[in-house]
Amino acid sequence: MDAPVRQIAEKAGVGIGTVYRHFPKRSDLIMAVFRREVDACADAAAFVAAEHQPGEALARWMQRYVDFISAKRGLATALHSGDPAYDSLPAYLQKQLRPALQTLLERAAAAGEVRTGVDPDDLLRAAASLCAPTHGGDPAHARRMVALLMDGLRLNR
């Protein structure tokens, strides 16, 4: 988030002018990164659904979401900065992630692997809350907490 544009350009293998041509303001670059990461997380739902049973696909995607939230902690600062440049990003996140999670939830519920009627927005918020930086910022802690949350959704057999 705070990296100098010169350093970003060097890591990308482009000149600083190229960065500014594509992203005239730092907020433009942050928004592009955020959207790309949200899209990758949403797209992962189809991949796990194709490779795993519905309940396992849901659990794996939720862990992917945890990784996204944990890795993008700095973006949360930008989102909550009050800068109007970021006003559209929370809605973008919901627009992309909610349907991906909804599909996984419906498949897992239809397979009798998780309870029905789970609101994807509630689950997204609950998982994000469990990713709050605690225990020295250990990302493994957030993964364990979300695994417990997912266990709570499973039907007893």
Protein backbone atom coordinates (compact mmCIF):
# COMPACT_ATOMS: atom_id res chain seq x y z
CA MET A 1 0.00 0.00 0.00
CA ASP A 2 2.77 2.42 0.87
CA ALA A 3 5.37 1.23 -1.64
CA PRO A 4 6.84 4.03 -3.74
CA VAL A 5 5.61 4.05 -7.33
CA ARG A 6 9.22 3.71 -8.51
CA GLN A 7 9.53 0.43 -6.59
CA ILE A 8 6.21 -0.83 -7.99
CA ALA A 9 7.38 -0.02 -11.52
CA GLU A 10 10.68 -1.83 -10.98
CA LYS A 11 8.93 -4.96 -9.66
CA ALA A 12 6.55 -4.88 -12.61
CA GLY A 13 9.46 -4.48 -15.04
CA VAL A 14 8.12 -1.24 -16.50
CA GLY A 15 9.06 2.40 -16.37
CA ILE A 16 7.48 4.77 -13.88
CA GLY A 17 5.82 6.63 -16.77
CA THR A 18 4.02 3.44 -17.79
CA VAL A 19 2.63 3.04 -14.30
CA TYR A 20 1.37 6.64 -14.23
CA ARG A 21 -0.05 6.33 -17.75
CA HIS A 22 -2.20 3.36 -16.71
CA PHE A 23 -2.81 4.50 -13.13
CA PRO A 24 -2.69 8.31 -12.91
CA LYS A 25 -3.52 8.23 -9.18
CA ARG A 26 -2.42 5.77 -6.51
CA SER A 27 -6.09 5.03 -5.86
CA ASP A 28 -6.43 3.85 -9.49
CA LEU A 29 -3.68 1.29 -8.93
CA ILE A 30 -5.13 0.17 -5.60
CA MET A 31 -8.57 -0.26 -7.14
CA ALA A 32 -7.16 -2.29 -10.04
CA VAL A 33 -5.28 -4.59 -7.66
CA PHE A 34 -8.33 -4.99 -5.44
CA ARG A 35 -10.61 -5.83 -8.38
CA ARG A 36 -8.13 -8.32 -9.80
CA GLU A 37 -7.83 -10.09 -6.45
CA VAL A 38 -11.60 -10.13 -5.88
CA ASP A 39 -12.13 -11.57 -9.37
CA ALA A 40 -9.52 -14.29 -8.75
CA CYS A 41 -11.22 -15.23 -5.49
CA ALA A 42 -14.65 -15.35 -7.14
CA ASP A 43 -13.31 -17.36 -10.08
CA ALA A 44 -11.78 -19.90 -7.68
CA ALA A 45 -15.32 -21.02 -6.76
CA ALA A 46 -15.82 -22.63 -10.17
CA PHE A 47 -12.45 -24.36 -9.99
CA VAL A 48 -13.01 -25.91 -6.56
CA ALA A 49 -16.57 -26.87 -7.51
CA ALA A 50 -15.26 -28.76 -10.54
CA GLU A 51 -12.60 -30.62 -8.56
CA HIS A 52 -14.30 -31.44 -5.23
CA GLN A 53 -17.52 -32.69 -3.70
CA PRO A 54 -19.89 -29.80 -2.83
CA GLY A 55 -19.13 -29.62 0.91
CA GLU A 56 -15.41 -29.86 0.36
CA ALA A 57 -15.57 -27.28 -2.43
CA LEU A 58 -17.36 -24.87 -0.10
CA ALA A 59 -14.81 -25.41 2.68
CA ARG A 60 -11.88 -24.97 0.28
CA TRP A 61 -13.32 -21.79 -1.19
CA MET A 62 -13.89 -20.35 2.26
CA GLN A 63 -10.22 -20.98 3.03
CA ARG A 64 -9.36 -19.20 -0.25
CA TYR A 65 -11.49 -16.29 0.92
CA VAL A 66 -9.63 -16.26 4.25
CA ASP A 67 -6.34 -16.09 2.36
CA PHE A 68 -7.69 -13.19 0.30
CA ILE A 69 -8.85 -11.27 3.39
CA SER A 70 -5.62 -11.93 5.28
CA ALA A 71 -3.35 -11.00 2.39
CA LYS A 72 -5.26 -7.82 1.58
CA ARG A 73 -5.32 -6.35 5.08
CA GLY A 74 -3.66 -3.19 3.72
CA LEU A 75 -6.45 -2.73 1.22
CA ALA A 76 -8.92 -2.62 4.10
CA THR A 77 -7.16 0.52 5.30
CA ALA A 78 -7.73 2.14 1.92
CA LEU A 79 -11.36 0.98 1.81
CA HIS A 80 -12.10 2.54 5.18
CA SER A 81 -10.02 5.68 4.62
CA GLY A 82 -12.99 7.85 3.67
CA ASP A 83 -11.46 8.51 0.25
CA PRO A 84 -14.40 8.63 -2.20
CA ALA A 85 -12.23 6.95 -4.84
CA TYR A 86 -12.86 3.67 -3.02
CA ASP A 87 -16.60 4.02 -2.48
CA SER A 88 -17.49 1.51 -5.20
CA LEU A 89 -15.19 -1.26 -3.96
CA PRO A 90 -17.34 -2.80 -1.19
CA ALA A 91 -20.24 -3.16 -3.64
CA TYR A 92 -17.85 -4.69 -6.19
CA LEU A 93 -16.69 -7.23 -3.62
CA GLN A 94 -20.29 -8.20 -2.84
CA LYS A 95 -21.27 -8.33 -6.50
CA GLN A 96 -18.44 -10.75 -7.31
CA LEU A 97 -18.16 -12.89 -4.18
CA ARG A 98 -21.80 -13.26 -3.12
CA PRO A 99 -22.90 -15.22 -6.24
CA ALA A 100 -19.80 -17.41 -6.10
CA LEU A 101 -20.49 -18.32 -2.48
CA GLN A 102 -24.24 -18.64 -3.08
CA THR A 103 -23.64 -21.26 -5.76
CA LEU A 104 -21.29 -23.25 -3.53
CA LEU A 105 -23.75 -23.06 -0.61
CA GLU A 106 -26.67 -24.20 -2.75
CA ARG A 107 -24.70 -27.14 -4.16
CA ALA A 108 -23.54 -28.23 -0.70
CA ALA A 109 -27.05 -27.90 0.74
CA ALA A 110 -28.59 -29.84 -2.18
CA ALA A 111 -26.05 -32.61 -1.55
CA GLY A 112 -27.14 -32.70 2.10
CA GLU A 113 -23.69 -31.70 3.28
CA VAL A 114 -24.54 -28.36 4.93
CA ARG A 115 -27.62 -26.78 6.39
CA THR A 116 -29.99 -24.88 4.12
CA GLY A 117 -30.88 -21.23 4.37
CA VAL A 118 -27.40 -19.88 5.06
CA ASP A 119 -27.15 -16.27 3.91
CA PRO A 120 -23.95 -15.85 1.88
CA ASP A 121 -23.60 -12.26 3.09
CA ASP A 122 -23.67 -13.45 6.70
CA LEU A 123 -21.07 -16.09 5.98
CA LEU A 124 -18.79 -13.63 4.17
CA ARG A 125 -19.04 -11.15 7.06
CA ALA A 126 -18.50 -13.85 9.68
CA ALA A 127 -15.39 -15.15 7.95
CA ALA A 128 -14.02 -11.64 7.47
CA SER A 129 -14.60 -10.94 11.17
CA LEU A 130 -12.71 -14.09 12.10
CA CYS A 131 -9.79 -12.83 10.02
CA ALA A 132 -9.28 -9.80 12.27
CA PRO A 133 -5.61 -9.51 13.16
CA THR A 134 -5.14 -11.31 16.46
CA HIS A 135 -2.63 -13.72 17.89
CA GLY A 136 0.32 -11.80 16.44
CA GLY A 137 -1.25 -11.66 12.97
CA ASP A 138 -0.97 -15.43 12.52
CA PRO A 139 -2.93 -16.26 9.33
CA ALA A 140 -3.16 -19.90 10.45
CA HIS A 141 -5.38 -18.74 13.32
CA ALA A 142 -7.92 -17.24 10.91
CA ARG A 143 -7.89 -20.43 8.83
CA ARG A 144 -8.59 -22.53 11.94
CA MET A 145 -11.42 -20.24 13.04
CA VAL A 146 -13.09 -20.37 9.62
CA ALA A 147 -12.68 -24.16 9.58
CA LEU A 148 -14.62 -24.21 12.87
CA LEU A 149 -17.27 -21.99 11.33
CA MET A 150 -17.58 -24.36 8.39
CA ASP A 151 -17.87 -27.34 10.75
CA GLY A 152 -20.88 -25.57 12.27
CA LEU A 153 -22.61 -25.52 8.88
CA ARG A 154 -22.24 -29.25 8.31
CA LEU A 155 -25.22 -31.48 8.91
CA ASN A 156 -24.86 -34.17 11.54
CA ARG A 157 -25.19 -37.59 9.96
